[in-house]
Amino acid sequence: MSKIKSPKEKKKLSLARDRRNTYGENPKAGREGIRRGKQRSHMEERRAVGRVLRHLKEKPDENEAIEADILARTLALQKKREAFKKRADEPLAVVIKRKLARREKLAWPLS
């Protein structure tokens, strides 16, 4: 049995707990986009490291190899920080407030 008794409390908790996707795309596109975003960021990370390591010769001297290794690691870390991150959906209460404010703003003048 629910510990919340009054309908007002139930509604308030529901508005705080329920979430809505406000990114502006349909749900299927969102599910696919998350996978593509992760894939893109991993590919960028591999490309950045590959660009650095590609410039090494067949038998590089030790200093060049160490320098390239350090540069590759720093680039990989930088790309990881810039990588794709999922964005949380917004609470339903926030979405409703925004919609109501927009409706008022766009309403025809009554005078």
Protein backbone atom coordinates (compact mmCIF):
# COMPACT_ATOMS: atom_id res chain seq x y z
CA MET A 1 0.00 0.00 0.00
CA SER A 2 1.21 3.48 -0.84
CA LYS A 3 2.51 5.67 1.96
CA ILE A 4 1.37 8.77 0.08
CA LYS A 5 -2.26 9.40 0.86
CA SER A 6 -3.43 12.66 -0.64
CA PRO A 7 -3.87 13.08 -4.39
CA LYS A 8 -1.96 16.39 -4.26
CA GLU A 9 1.09 14.65 -2.81
CA LYS A 10 0.84 11.88 -5.40
CA LYS A 11 0.68 14.40 -8.25
CA LYS A 12 3.60 16.42 -6.88
CA LEU A 13 5.79 13.32 -6.55
CA SER A 14 4.73 12.11 -9.97
CA LEU A 15 5.71 15.41 -11.60
CA ALA A 16 9.09 15.32 -9.87
CA ARG A 17 9.79 11.65 -10.63
CA ASP A 18 8.54 11.31 -14.22
CA ARG A 19 10.97 12.40 -16.92
CA ARG A 20 10.62 13.56 -20.53
CA ASN A 21 13.10 13.59 -23.38
CA THR A 22 13.41 17.21 -24.50
CA TYR A 23 16.24 16.77 -26.96
CA GLY A 24 13.83 17.16 -29.85
CA GLU A 25 13.87 13.80 -31.55
CA ASN A 26 11.71 10.72 -31.45
CA PRO A 27 12.58 7.97 -28.92
CA LYS A 28 13.95 5.54 -31.51
CA ALA A 29 16.35 8.18 -32.81
CA GLY A 30 17.50 8.83 -29.26
CA ARG A 31 18.30 5.17 -28.64
CA GLU A 32 20.21 4.93 -31.90
CA GLY A 33 21.94 8.27 -31.37
CA ILE A 34 23.42 7.19 -28.05
CA ARG A 35 25.11 4.22 -29.67
CA ARG A 36 26.34 6.36 -32.59
CA GLY A 37 27.65 9.04 -30.21
CA LYS A 38 29.67 6.52 -28.25
CA GLN A 39 30.95 4.98 -31.47
CA ARG A 40 31.96 8.38 -32.87
CA SER A 41 33.87 9.35 -29.72
CA HIS A 42 35.75 6.03 -29.65
CA MET A 43 36.64 6.41 -33.33
CA GLU A 44 37.92 9.95 -32.74
CA GLU A 45 40.06 8.74 -29.88
CA ARG A 46 41.63 6.02 -32.04
CA ARG A 47 42.17 8.46 -34.92
CA ALA A 48 43.94 10.99 -32.70
CA VAL A 49 46.36 8.36 -31.41
CA GLY A 50 46.85 6.98 -34.93
CA ARG A 51 47.73 10.41 -36.30
CA VAL A 52 50.55 10.77 -33.77
CA LEU A 53 51.90 7.25 -34.19
CA ARG A 54 51.73 7.37 -37.99
CA HIS A 55 54.49 10.00 -38.07
CA LEU A 56 56.99 7.65 -36.48
CA LYS A 57 59.50 6.15 -38.85
CA GLU A 58 60.17 2.44 -39.20
CA LYS A 59 62.91 2.45 -36.57
CA PRO A 60 62.59 5.65 -34.56
CA ASP A 61 65.15 6.62 -31.99
CA GLU A 62 64.22 6.30 -28.33
CA ASN A 63 63.53 10.01 -27.76
CA GLU A 64 61.08 10.18 -30.67
CA ALA A 65 59.28 7.07 -29.46
CA ILE A 66 58.95 8.40 -25.90
CA GLU A 67 57.76 11.78 -27.14
CA ALA A 68 55.19 10.17 -29.44
CA ASP A 69 54.01 7.89 -26.64
CA ILE A 70 53.47 10.83 -24.27
CA LEU A 71 51.70 12.85 -26.95
CA ALA A 72 49.47 9.89 -27.88
CA ARG A 73 48.51 9.33 -24.23
CA THR A 74 47.69 12.99 -23.64
CA LEU A 75 45.61 13.18 -26.83
CA ALA A 76 43.74 9.99 -25.88
CA LEU A 77 42.99 11.43 -22.43
CA GLN A 78 41.84 14.73 -23.93
CA LYS A 79 39.53 12.95 -26.38
CA LYS A 80 38.10 10.85 -23.54
CA ARG A 81 37.23 14.02 -21.62
CA GLU A 82 35.53 15.49 -24.70
CA ALA A 83 33.74 12.21 -25.45
CA PHE A 84 30.01 11.71 -25.81
CA LYS A 85 28.02 11.79 -22.58
CA LYS A 86 24.38 10.93 -22.21
CA ARG A 87 22.15 13.77 -21.07
CA ALA A 88 19.47 13.03 -18.51
CA ASP A 89 15.83 13.61 -19.37
CA GLU A 90 14.13 16.55 -17.68
CA PRO A 91 11.54 16.24 -14.90
CA LEU A 92 7.96 16.45 -16.15
CA ALA A 93 7.23 19.45 -13.91
CA VAL A 94 9.93 21.51 -15.64
CA VAL A 95 8.67 20.50 -19.09
CA ILE A 96 5.08 21.45 -18.24
CA LYS A 97 6.12 24.84 -16.83
CA ARG A 98 8.10 25.62 -19.98
CA LYS A 99 5.19 24.63 -22.22
CA LEU A 100 2.70 26.73 -20.27
CA ALA A 101 5.02 29.76 -20.34
CA ARG A 102 5.44 29.36 -24.09
CA ARG A 103 1.68 29.13 -24.60
CA GLU A 104 1.13 32.34 -22.64
CA LYS A 105 3.81 34.12 -24.61
CA LEU A 106 2.38 33.02 -27.94
CA ALA A 107 -1.27 33.58 -27.03
CA TRP A 108 -3.19 36.09 -29.11
CA PRO A 109 -3.82 39.45 -27.44
CA LEU A 110 -7.38 39.58 -26.16
CA SER A 111 -7.85 43.32 -26.59
